[in-house]
Amino acid sequence: MPTDKNDRDIEIIPPDRPGSRHESEWFYVTFEDRARAYRELPLYKRILFAAASVGALVALGVILFLILASAVLIWIPLMIATALIAAVVMFLRTKFGR
């Protein structure tokens, strides 16, 4: 390790034991030399991490839904306006015989 190490440096540490065919190899991201696997975290931290992940997915889903819904819903007023303009033009042509 370099001697000019800063406490804010991010260091990626490979796992202590080699991975087997049945287990994927883990990589740990550590701040200030405290590397931990997800399984080694306390239960409340795992629950908070899972809740934050689910919350992020829900928020992303809501944002995508709103974008798609607004893209679809913008066509409804446009079609209504087009139908009204066409109806007015047809009415005026039949009314004035032109």
PDB file of N, CA and C in Angstrom:
ATOM      1  N   MET A   1       0.826  -1.177   0.000  1.00  0.00           N
ATOM      2  CA  MET A   1       0.000   0.000   0.000  1.00  0.00           C
ATOM      3  C   MET A   1       0.874   1.246   0.000  1.00  0.00           C
ATOM      4  N   PRO A   2       0.434   2.254  -0.672  1.00  0.00           N
ATOM      5  CA  PRO A   2       1.235   3.477  -0.676  1.00  0.00           C
ATOM      6  C   PRO A   2       1.222   4.141   0.695  1.00  0.00           C
ATOM      7  N   THR A   3       2.295   4.821   0.973  1.00  0.00           N
ATOM      8  CA  THR A   3       2.405   5.478   2.277  1.00  0.00           C
ATOM      9  C   THR A   3       1.677   6.810   2.298  1.00  0.00           C
ATOM     10  N   ASP A   4       1.408   7.381   1.140  1.00  0.00           N
ATOM     11  CA  ASP A   4       0.724   8.677   1.092  1.00  0.00           C
ATOM     12  C   ASP A   4      -0.799   8.502   1.011  1.00  0.00           C
ATOM     13  N   LYS A   5      -1.306   7.516   1.720  1.00  0.00           N
ATOM     14  CA  LYS A   5      -2.725   7.188   1.663  1.00  0.00           C
ATOM     15  C   LYS A   5      -3.545   8.226   2.431  1.00  0.00           C
ATOM     16  N   ASN A   6      -4.603   8.649   1.806  1.00  0.00           N
ATOM     17  CA  ASN A   6      -5.512   9.616   2.408  1.00  0.00           C
ATOM     18  C   ASN A   6      -6.705   8.860   2.989  1.00  0.00           C
ATOM     19  N   ASP A   7      -7.295   9.366   4.067  1.00  0.00           N
ATOM     20  CA  ASP A   7      -8.449   8.705   4.674  1.00  0.00           C
ATOM     21  C   ASP A   7      -9.667   8.732   3.762  1.00  0.00           C
ATOM     22  N   ARG A   8      -9.724   9.642   2.829  1.00  0.00           N
ATOM     23  CA  ARG A   8     -10.870   9.749   1.931  1.00  0.00           C
ATOM     24  C   ARG A   8     -10.689   8.941   0.646  1.00  0.00           C
ATOM     25  N   ASP A   9      -9.565   8.276   0.481  1.00  0.00           N
ATOM     26  CA  ASP A   9      -9.338   7.471  -0.713  1.00  0.00           C
ATOM     27  C   ASP A   9     -10.273   6.265  -0.718  1.00  0.00           C
ATOM     28  N   ILE A  10     -10.724   5.896  -1.898  1.00  0.00           N
ATOM     29  CA  ILE A  10     -11.549   4.704  -2.071  1.00  0.00           C
ATOM     30  C   ILE A  10     -10.626   3.590  -2.532  1.00  0.00           C
ATOM     31  N   GLU A  11     -10.740   2.455  -1.875  1.00  0.00           N
ATOM     32  CA  GLU A  11      -9.870   1.334  -2.192  1.00  0.00           C
ATOM     33  C   GLU A  11     -10.740   0.116  -2.453  1.00  0.00           C
ATOM     34  N   ILE A  12     -10.497  -0.575  -3.557  1.00  0.00           N
ATOM     35  CA  ILE A  12     -11.246  -1.785  -3.874  1.00  0.00           C
ATOM     36  C   ILE A  12     -10.393  -2.969  -3.450  1.00  0.00           C
ATOM     37  N   ILE A  13     -10.943  -3.794  -2.560  1.00  0.00           N
ATOM     38  CA  ILE A  13     -10.204  -4.917  -1.997  1.00  0.00           C
ATOM     39  C   ILE A  13     -10.855  -6.203  -2.480  1.00  0.00           C
ATOM     40  N   PRO A  14     -10.091  -7.134  -3.057  1.00  0.00           N
ATOM     41  CA  PRO A  14     -10.678  -8.418  -3.443  1.00  0.00           C
ATOM     42  C   PRO A  14     -10.998  -9.238  -2.193  1.00  0.00           C
ATOM     43  N   PRO A  15     -11.856 -10.228  -2.310  1.00  0.00           N
ATOM     44  CA  PRO A  15     -12.217 -11.017  -1.138  1.00  0.00           C
ATOM     45  C   PRO A  15     -11.040 -11.840  -0.625  1.00  0.00           C
ATOM     46  N   ASP A  16     -11.132 -12.244   0.651  1.00  0.00           N
ATOM     47  CA  ASP A  16     -10.054 -13.016   1.256  1.00  0.00           C
ATOM     48  C   ASP A  16      -9.983 -14.427   0.696  1.00  0.00           C
ATOM     49  N   ARG A  17     -11.118 -15.057   0.505  1.00  0.00           N
ATOM     50  CA  ARG A  17     -11.114 -16.424  -0.009  1.00  0.00           C
ATOM     51  C   ARG A  17     -11.445 -16.405  -1.496  1.00  0.00           C
ATOM     52  N   PRO A  18     -10.849 -17.295  -2.247  1.00  0.00           N
ATOM     53  CA  PRO A  18     -11.158 -17.322  -3.686  1.00  0.00           C
ATOM     54  C   PRO A  18     -12.579 -17.827  -3.915  1.00  0.00           C
ATOM     55  N   GLY A  19     -13.224 -17.322  -4.948  1.00  0.00           N
ATOM     56  CA  GLY A  19     -14.595 -17.717  -5.250  1.00  0.00           C
ATOM     57  C   GLY A  19     -14.657 -19.102  -5.851  1.00  0.00           C
ATOM     58  N   SER A  20     -15.716 -19.812  -5.566  1.00  0.00           N
ATOM     59  CA  SER A  20     -15.897 -21.138  -6.139  1.00  0.00           C
ATOM     60  C   SER A  20     -16.817 -21.035  -7.349  1.00  0.00           C
ATOM     61  N   ARG A  21     -17.100 -22.167  -7.941  1.00  0.00           N
ATOM     62  CA  ARG A  21     -17.981 -22.156  -9.100  1.00  0.00           C
ATOM     63  C   ARG A  21     -19.420 -21.826  -8.708  1.00  0.00           C
ATOM     64  N   HIS A  22     -19.782 -22.125  -7.481  1.00  0.00           N
ATOM     65  CA  HIS A  22     -21.161 -21.911  -7.041  1.00  0.00           C
ATOM     66  C   HIS A  22     -21.390 -20.515  -6.498  1.00  0.00           C
ATOM     67  N   GLU A  23     -20.341 -19.846  -6.109  1.00  0.00           N
ATOM     68  CA  GLU A  23     -20.478 -18.506  -5.551  1.00  0.00           C
ATOM     69  C   GLU A  23     -19.772 -17.506  -6.453  1.00  0.00           C
ATOM     70  N   SER A  24     -20.420 -16.386  -6.657  1.00  0.00           N
ATOM     71  CA  SER A  24     -19.763 -15.351  -7.442  1.00  0.00           C
ATOM     72  C   SER A  24     -18.716 -14.660  -6.579  1.00  0.00           C
ATOM     73  N   GLU A  25     -17.701 -14.153  -7.213  1.00  0.00           N
ATOM     74  CA  GLU A  25     -16.634 -13.498  -6.470  1.00  0.00           C
ATOM     75  C   GLU A  25     -17.092 -12.112  -6.043  1.00  0.00           C
ATOM     76  N   TRP A  26     -16.805 -11.773  -4.817  1.00  0.00           N
ATOM     77  CA  TRP A  26     -17.225 -10.499  -4.252  1.00  0.00           C
ATOM     78  C   TRP A  26     -16.103  -9.498  -4.347  1.00  0.00           C
ATOM     79  N   PHE A  27     -16.463  -8.258  -4.555  1.00  0.00           N
ATOM     80  CA  PHE A  27     -15.519  -7.156  -4.440  1.00  0.00           C
ATOM     81  C   PHE A  27     -16.066  -6.210  -3.392  1.00  0.00           C
ATOM     82  N   TYR A  28     -15.193  -5.680  -2.604  1.00  0.00           N
ATOM     83  CA  TYR A  28     -15.594  -4.817  -1.508  1.00  0.00           C
ATOM     84  C   TYR A  28     -15.118  -3.405  -1.789  1.00  0.00           C
ATOM     85  N   VAL A  29     -15.970  -2.452  -1.539  1.00  0.00           N
ATOM     86  CA  VAL A  29     -15.569  -1.053  -1.618  1.00  0.00           C
ATOM     87  C   VAL A  29     -15.439  -0.563  -0.193  1.00  0.00           C
ATOM     88  N   THR A  30     -14.307   0.019   0.111  1.00  0.00           N
ATOM     89  CA  THR A  30     -14.058   0.390   1.494  1.00  0.00           C
ATOM     90  C   THR A  30     -13.729   1.868   1.603  1.00  0.00           C
ATOM     91  N   PHE A  31     -14.165   2.453   2.674  1.00  0.00           N
ATOM     92  CA  PHE A  31     -13.767   3.797   3.062  1.00  0.00           C
ATOM     93  C   PHE A  31     -13.035   3.657   4.388  1.00  0.00           C
ATOM     94  N   GLU A  32     -11.891   4.192   4.474  1.00  0.00           N
ATOM     95  CA  GLU A  32     -11.093   4.176   5.701  1.00  0.00           C
ATOM     96  C   GLU A  32     -10.833   2.757   6.196  1.00  0.00           C
ATOM     97  N   ASP A  33     -10.474   1.839   5.299  1.00  0.00           N
ATOM     98  CA  ASP A  33     -10.076   0.456   5.627  1.00  0.00           C
ATOM     99  C   ASP A  33     -11.153  -0.350   6.351  1.00  0.00           C
ATOM    100  N   ARG A  34     -12.425  -0.116   6.046  1.00  0.00           N
ATOM    101  CA  ARG A  34     -13.482  -0.907   6.672  1.00  0.00           C
ATOM    102  C   ARG A  34     -14.280  -1.613   5.582  1.00  0.00           C
ATOM    103  N   ALA A  35     -13.751  -2.702   5.060  1.00  0.00           N
ATOM    104  CA  ALA A  35     -14.432  -3.453   4.011  1.00  0.00           C
ATOM    105  C   ALA A  35     -15.364  -4.473   4.649  1.00  0.00           C
ATOM    106  N   ARG A  36     -16.597  -4.535   4.154  1.00  0.00           N
ATOM    107  CA  ARG A  36     -17.571  -5.497   4.662  1.00  0.00           C
ATOM    108  C   ARG A  36     -18.394  -6.029   3.500  1.00  0.00           C
ATOM    109  N   ALA A  37     -18.706  -7.306   3.553  1.00  0.00           N
ATOM    110  CA  ALA A  37     -19.615  -7.881   2.576  1.00  0.00           C
ATOM    111  C   ALA A  37     -21.044  -7.535   2.975  1.00  0.00           C
ATOM    112  N   TYR A  38     -21.945  -7.645   2.034  1.00  0.00           N
ATOM    113  CA  TYR A  38     -23.354  -7.343   2.316  1.00  0.00           C
ATOM    114  C   TYR A  38     -23.896  -8.285   3.388  1.00  0.00           C
ATOM    115  N   ARG A  39     -23.487  -9.550   3.328  1.00  0.00           N
ATOM    116  CA  ARG A  39     -23.971 -10.534   4.300  1.00  0.00           C
ATOM    117  C   ARG A  39     -23.492 -10.239   5.715  1.00  0.00           C
ATOM    118  N   GLU A  40     -22.381  -9.557   5.834  1.00  0.00           N
ATOM    119  CA  GLU A  40     -21.827  -9.274   7.158  1.00  0.00           C
ATOM    120  C   GLU A  40     -22.414  -8.013   7.787  1.00  0.00           C
ATOM    121  N   LEU A  41     -23.200  -7.272   7.038  1.00  0.00           N
ATOM    122  CA  LEU A  41     -23.794  -6.056   7.589  1.00  0.00           C
ATOM    123  C   LEU A  41     -24.855  -6.415   8.625  1.00  0.00           C
ATOM    124  N   PRO A  42     -25.091  -5.542   9.581  1.00  0.00           N
ATOM    125  CA  PRO A  42     -26.189  -5.785  10.528  1.00  0.00           C
ATOM    126  C   PRO A  42     -27.528  -5.807   9.797  1.00  0.00           C
ATOM    127  N   LEU A  43     -28.489  -6.469  10.409  1.00  0.00           N
ATOM    128  CA  LEU A  43     -29.783  -6.661   9.762  1.00  0.00           C
ATOM    129  C   LEU A  43     -30.458  -5.334   9.430  1.00  0.00           C
ATOM    130  N   TYR A  44     -30.391  -4.364  10.326  1.00  0.00           N
ATOM    131  CA  TYR A  44     -31.065  -3.091  10.064  1.00  0.00           C
ATOM    132  C   TYR A  44     -30.441  -2.366   8.878  1.00  0.00           C
ATOM    133  N   LYS A  45     -29.122  -2.513   8.691  1.00  0.00           N
ATOM    134  CA  LYS A  45     -28.495  -1.874   7.529  1.00  0.00           C
ATOM    135  C   LYS A  45     -28.887  -2.585   6.244  1.00  0.00           C
ATOM    136  N   ARG A  46     -29.022  -3.903   6.299  1.00  0.00           N
ATOM    137  CA  ARG A  46     -29.471  -4.628   5.107  1.00  0.00           C
ATOM    138  C   ARG A  46     -30.908  -4.258   4.767  1.00  0.00           C
ATOM    139  N   ILE A  47     -31.748  -4.108   5.792  1.00  0.00           N
ATOM    140  CA  ILE A  47     -33.144  -3.719   5.552  1.00  0.00           C
ATOM    141  C   ILE A  47     -33.209  -2.310   4.978  1.00  0.00           C
ATOM    142  N   LEU A  48     -32.416  -1.393   5.525  1.00  0.00           N
ATOM    143  CA  LEU A  48     -32.396  -0.028   4.995  1.00  0.00           C
ATOM    144  C   LEU A  48     -31.883   0.003   3.560  1.00  0.00           C
ATOM    145  N   PHE A  49     -30.858  -0.781   3.272  1.00  0.00           N
ATOM    146  CA  PHE A  49     -30.321  -0.841   1.913  1.00  0.00           C
ATOM    147  C   PHE A  49     -31.367  -1.399   0.950  1.00  0.00           C
ATOM    148  N   ALA A  50     -32.059  -2.470   1.360  1.00  0.00           N
ATOM    149  CA  ALA A  50     -33.099  -3.050   0.509  1.00  0.00           C
ATOM    150  C   ALA A  50     -34.253  -2.069   0.321  1.00  0.00           C
ATOM    151  N   ALA A  51     -34.642  -1.375   1.396  1.00  0.00           N
ATOM    152  CA  ALA A  51     -35.731  -0.400   1.285  1.00  0.00           C
ATOM    153  C   ALA A  51     -35.343   0.760   0.378  1.00  0.00           C
ATOM    154  N   ALA A  52     -34.099   1.211   0.488  1.00  0.00           N
ATOM    155  CA  ALA A  52     -33.641   2.294  -0.388  1.00  0.00           C
ATOM    156  C   ALA A  52     -33.610   1.836  -1.840  1.00  0.00           C
ATOM    157  N   SER A  53     -33.208   0.588  -2.076  1.00  0.00           N
ATOM    158  CA  SER A  53     -33.178   0.062  -3.445  1.00  0.00           C
ATOM    159  C   SER A  53     -34.588  -0.043  -4.019  1.00  0.00           C
ATOM    160  N   VAL A  54     -35.515  -0.571  -3.222  1.00  0.00           N
ATOM    161  CA  VAL A  54     -36.900  -0.690  -3.688  1.00  0.00           C
ATOM    162  C   VAL A  54     -37.506   0.696  -3.903  1.00  0.00           C
ATOM    163  N   GLY A  55     -37.214   1.618  -2.995  1.00  0.00           N
ATOM    164  CA  GLY A  55     -37.713   2.984  -3.153  1.00  0.00           C
ATOM    165  C   GLY A  55     -37.188   3.647  -4.410  1.00  0.00           C
ATOM    166  N   ALA A  56     -35.922   3.412  -4.715  1.00  0.00           N
ATOM    167  CA  ALA A  56     -35.345   3.978  -5.938  1.00  0.00           C
ATOM    168  C   ALA A  56     -36.003   3.376  -7.176  1.00  0.00           C
ATOM    169  N   LEU A  57     -36.261   2.076  -7.148  1.00  0.00           N
ATOM    170  CA  LEU A  57     -36.929   1.443  -8.289  1.00  0.00           C
ATOM    171  C   LEU A  57     -38.363   1.953  -8.452  1.00  0.00           C
ATOM    172  N   VAL A  58     -39.061   2.139  -7.343  1.00  0.00           N
ATOM    173  CA  VAL A  58     -40.430   2.672  -7.414  1.00  0.00           C
ATOM    174  C   VAL A  58     -40.415   4.100  -7.948  1.00  0.00           C
ATOM    175  N   ALA A  59     -39.486   4.911  -7.458  1.00  0.00           N
ATOM    176  CA  ALA A  59     -39.396   6.296  -7.936  1.00  0.00           C
ATOM    177  C   ALA A  59     -39.076   6.331  -9.428  1.00  0.00           C
ATOM    178  N   LEU A  60     -38.170   5.472  -9.868  1.00  0.00           N
ATOM    179  CA  LEU A  60     -37.840   5.406 -11.292  1.00  0.00           C
ATOM    180  C   LEU A  60     -39.053   4.964 -12.104  1.00  0.00           C
ATOM    181  N   GLY A  61     -39.801   3.994 -11.587  1.00  0.00           N
ATOM    182  CA  GLY A  61     -41.009   3.541 -12.273  1.00  0.00           C
ATOM    183  C   GLY A  61     -42.056   4.631 -12.374  1.00  0.00           C
ATOM    184  N   VAL A  62     -42.236   5.389 -11.301  1.00  0.00           N
ATOM    185  CA  VAL A  62     -43.210   6.489 -11.318  1.00  0.00           C
ATOM    186  C   VAL A  62     -42.798   7.553 -12.326  1.00  0.00           C
ATOM    187  N   ILE A  63     -41.517   7.882 -12.351  1.00  0.00           N
ATOM    188  CA  ILE A  63     -41.032   8.891 -13.302  1.00  0.00           C
ATOM    189  C   ILE A  63     -41.235   8.415 -14.734  1.00  0.00           C
ATOM    190  N   LEU A  64     -40.884   7.154 -15.008  1.00  0.00           N
ATOM    191  CA  LEU A  64     -41.086   6.625 -16.362  1.00  0.00           C
ATOM    192  C   LEU A  64     -42.571   6.579 -16.722  1.00  0.00           C
ATOM    193  N   PHE A  65     -43.414   6.202 -15.759  1.00  0.00           N
ATOM    194  CA  PHE A  65     -44.850   6.187 -16.019  1.00  0.00           C
ATOM    195  C   PHE A  65     -45.365   7.578 -16.349  1.00  0.00           C
ATOM    196  N   LEU A  66     -44.934   8.568 -15.595  1.00  0.00           N
ATOM    197  CA  LEU A  66     -45.390   9.935 -15.861  1.00  0.00           C
ATOM    198  C   LEU A  66     -44.917  10.429 -17.224  1.00  0.00           C
ATOM    199  N   ILE A  67     -43.693  10.089 -17.596  1.00  0.00           N
ATOM    200  CA  ILE A  67     -43.188  10.498 -18.911  1.00  0.00           C
ATOM    201  C   ILE A  67     -43.998   9.833 -20.014  1.00  0.00           C
ATOM    202  N   LEU A  68     -44.221   8.519 -19.889  1.00  0.00           N
ATOM    203  CA  LEU A  68     -44.984   7.816 -20.923  1.00  0.00           C
ATOM    204  C   LEU A  68     -46.444   8.262 -20.945  1.00  0.00           C
ATOM    205  N   ALA A  69     -47.029   8.475 -19.769  1.00  0.00           N
ATOM    206  CA  ALA A  69     -48.426   8.908 -19.724  1.00  0.00           C
ATOM    207  C   ALA A  69     -48.586  10.291 -20.332  1.00  0.00           C
ATOM    208  N   SER A  70     -47.652  11.185 -20.060  1.00  0.00           N
ATOM    209  CA  SER A  70     -47.766  12.523 -20.641  1.00  0.00           C
ATOM    210  C   SER A  70     -47.555  12.477 -22.150  1.00  0.00           C
ATOM    211  N   ALA A  71     -46.679  11.584 -22.608  1.00  0.00           N
ATOM    212  CA  ALA A  71     -46.471  11.459 -24.054  1.00  0.00           C
ATOM    213  C   ALA A  71     -47.720  10.917 -24.737  1.00  0.00           C
ATOM    214  N   VAL A  72     -48.428  10.012 -24.071  1.00  0.00           N
ATOM    215  CA  VAL A  72     -49.654   9.458 -24.649  1.00  0.00           C
ATOM    216  C   VAL A  72     -50.804  10.451 -24.509  1.00  0.00           C
ATOM    217  N   LEU A  73     -50.924  11.080 -23.347  1.00  0.00           N
ATOM    218  CA  LEU A  73     -52.064  11.958 -23.094  1.00  0.00           C
ATOM    219  C   LEU A  73     -52.016  13.249 -23.904  1.00  0.00           C
ATOM    220  N   ILE A  74     -50.868  13.640 -24.394  1.00  0.00           N
ATOM    221  CA  ILE A  74     -50.792  14.864 -25.195  1.00  0.00           C
ATOM    222  C   ILE A  74     -51.524  14.676 -26.524  1.00  0.00           C
ATOM    223  N   TRP A  75     -51.664  13.428 -26.980  1.00  0.00           N
ATOM    224  CA  TRP A  75     -52.326  13.189 -28.257  1.00  0.00           C
ATOM    225  C   TRP A  75     -53.837  13.325 -28.156  1.00  0.00           C
ATOM    226  N   ILE A  76     -54.409  13.105 -26.994  1.00  0.00           N
ATOM    227  CA  ILE A  76     -55.870  13.186 -26.854  1.00  0.00           C
ATOM    228  C   ILE A  76     -56.382  14.602 -27.137  1.00  0.00           C
ATOM    229  N   PRO A  77     -55.837  15.658 -26.523  1.00  0.00           N
ATOM    230  CA  PRO A  77     -56.311  17.006 -26.880  1.00  0.00           C
ATOM    231  C   PRO A  77     -56.022  17.375 -28.332  1.00  0.00           C
ATOM    232  N   LEU A  78     -54.913  16.898 -28.866  1.00  0.00           N
ATOM    233  CA  LEU A  78     -54.614  17.187 -30.272  1.00  0.00           C
ATOM    234  C   LEU A  78     -55.634  16.539 -31.199  1.00  0.00           C
ATOM    235  N   MET A  79     -56.021  15.304 -30.909  1.00  0.00           N
ATOM    236  CA  MET A  79     -57.024  14.643 -31.749  1.00  0.00           C
ATOM    237  C   MET A  79     -58.389  15.313 -31.604  1.00  0.00           C
ATOM    238  N   ILE A  80     -58.735  15.725 -30.384  1.00  0.00           N
ATOM    239  CA  ILE A  80     -60.009  16.422 -30.181  1.00  0.00           C
ATOM    240  C   ILE A  80     -60.014  17.751 -30.936  1.00  0.00           C
ATOM    241  N   ALA A  81     -58.913  18.488 -30.854  1.00  0.00           N
ATOM    242  CA  ALA A  81     -58.827  19.767 -31.564  1.00  0.00           C
ATOM    243  C   ALA A  81     -58.903  19.552 -33.070  1.00  0.00           C
ATOM    244  N   THR A  82     -58.245  18.535 -33.582  1.00  0.00           N
ATOM    245  CA  THR A  82     -58.294  18.239 -35.017  1.00  0.00           C
ATOM    246  C   THR A  82     -59.717  17.872 -35.436  1.00  0.00           C
ATOM    247  N   ALA A  83     -60.387  17.064 -34.624  1.00  0.00           N
ATOM    248  CA  ALA A  83     -61.767  16.681 -34.944  1.00  0.00           C
ATOM    249  C   ALA A  83     -62.696  17.891 -34.909  1.00  0.00           C
ATOM    250  N   LEU A  84     -62.508  18.778 -33.932  1.00  0.00           N
ATOM    251  CA  LEU A  84     -63.344  19.981 -33.866  1.00  0.00           C
ATOM    252  C   LEU A  84     -63.110  20.894 -35.065  1.00  0.00           C
ATOM    253  N   ILE A  85     -61.859  21.076 -35.447  1.00  0.00           N
ATOM    254  CA  ILE A  85     -61.559  21.924 -36.610  1.00  0.00           C
ATOM    255  C   ILE A  85     -62.160  21.318 -37.872  1.00  0.00           C
ATOM    256  N   ALA A  86     -62.022  19.997 -38.029  1.00  0.00           N
ATOM    257  CA  ALA A  86     -62.604  19.340 -39.201  1.00  0.00           C
ATOM    258  C   ALA A  86     -64.128  19.459 -39.194  1.00  0.00           C
ATOM    259  N   ALA A  87     -64.743  19.332 -38.021  1.00  0.00           N
ATOM    260  CA  ALA A  87     -66.205  19.454 -37.932  1.00  0.00           C
ATOM    261  C   ALA A  87     -66.655  20.866 -38.261  1.00  0.00           C
ATOM    262  N   VAL A  88     -65.933  21.872 -37.784  1.00  0.00           N
ATOM    263  CA  VAL A  88     -66.287  23.262 -38.082  1.00  0.00           C
ATOM    264  C   VAL A  88     -66.138  23.533 -39.575  1.00  0.00           C
ATOM    265  N   VAL A  89     -65.062  23.046 -40.186  1.00  0.00           N
ATOM    266  CA  VAL A  89     -64.854  23.247 -41.626  1.00  0.00           C
ATOM    267  C   VAL A  89     -65.967  22.572 -42.418  1.00  0.00           C
ATOM    268  N   MET A  90     -66.316  21.341 -42.050  1.00  0.00           N
ATOM    269  CA  MET A  90     -67.389  20.650 -42.764  1.00  0.00           C
ATOM    270  C   MET A  90     -68.736  21.352 -42.561  1.00  0.00           C
ATOM    271  N   PHE A  91     -68.997  21.834 -41.361  1.00  0.00           N
ATOM    272  CA  PHE A  91     -70.246  22.546 -41.091  1.00  0.00           C
ATOM    273  C   PHE A  91     -70.328  23.825 -41.920  1.00  0.00           C
ATOM    274  N   LEU A  92     -69.229  24.582 -41.950  1.00  0.00           N
ATOM    275  CA  LEU A  92     -69.239  25.825 -42.713  1.00  0.00           C
ATOM    276  C   LEU A  92     -69.371  25.565 -44.210  1.00  0.00           C
ATOM    277  N   ARG A  93     -68.770  24.508 -44.707  1.00  0.00           N
ATOM    278  CA  ARG A  93     -68.887  24.197 -46.138  1.00  0.00           C
ATOM    279  C   ARG A  93     -70.317  23.793 -46.494  1.00  0.00           C
ATOM    280  N   THR A  94     -70.947  23.030 -45.624  1.00  0.00           N
ATOM    281  CA  THR A  94     -72.333  22.632 -45.928  1.00  0.00           C
ATOM    282  C   THR A  94     -73.310  23.775 -45.689  1.00  0.00           C
ATOM    283  N   LYS A  95     -73.040  24.615 -44.712  1.00  0.00           N
ATOM    284  CA  LYS A  95     -73.943  25.728 -44.389  1.00  0.00           C
ATOM    285  C   LYS A  95     -73.936  26.773 -45.503  1.00  0.00           C
ATOM    286  N   PHE A  96     -72.742  27.110 -45.974  1.00  0.00           N
ATOM    287  CA  PHE A  96     -72.634  28.165 -46.981  1.00  0.00           C
ATOM    288  C   PHE A  96     -72.494  27.608 -48.389  1.00  0.00           C
ATOM    289  N   GLY A  97     -72.525  26.298 -48.540  1.00  0.00           N
ATOM    290  CA  GLY A  97     -72.531  25.676 -49.850  1.00  0.00           C
ATOM    291  C   GLY A  97     -71.285  25.886 -50.669  1.00  0.00           C
ATOM    292  N   ARG A  98     -70.197  26.011 -50.066  1.00  0.00           N
ATOM    293  CA  ARG A  98     -68.977  26.275 -50.822  1.00  0.00           C
ATOM    294  C   ARG A  98     -68.185  25.070 -50.994  1.00  0.00           C
TER     295      ARG A  98
END
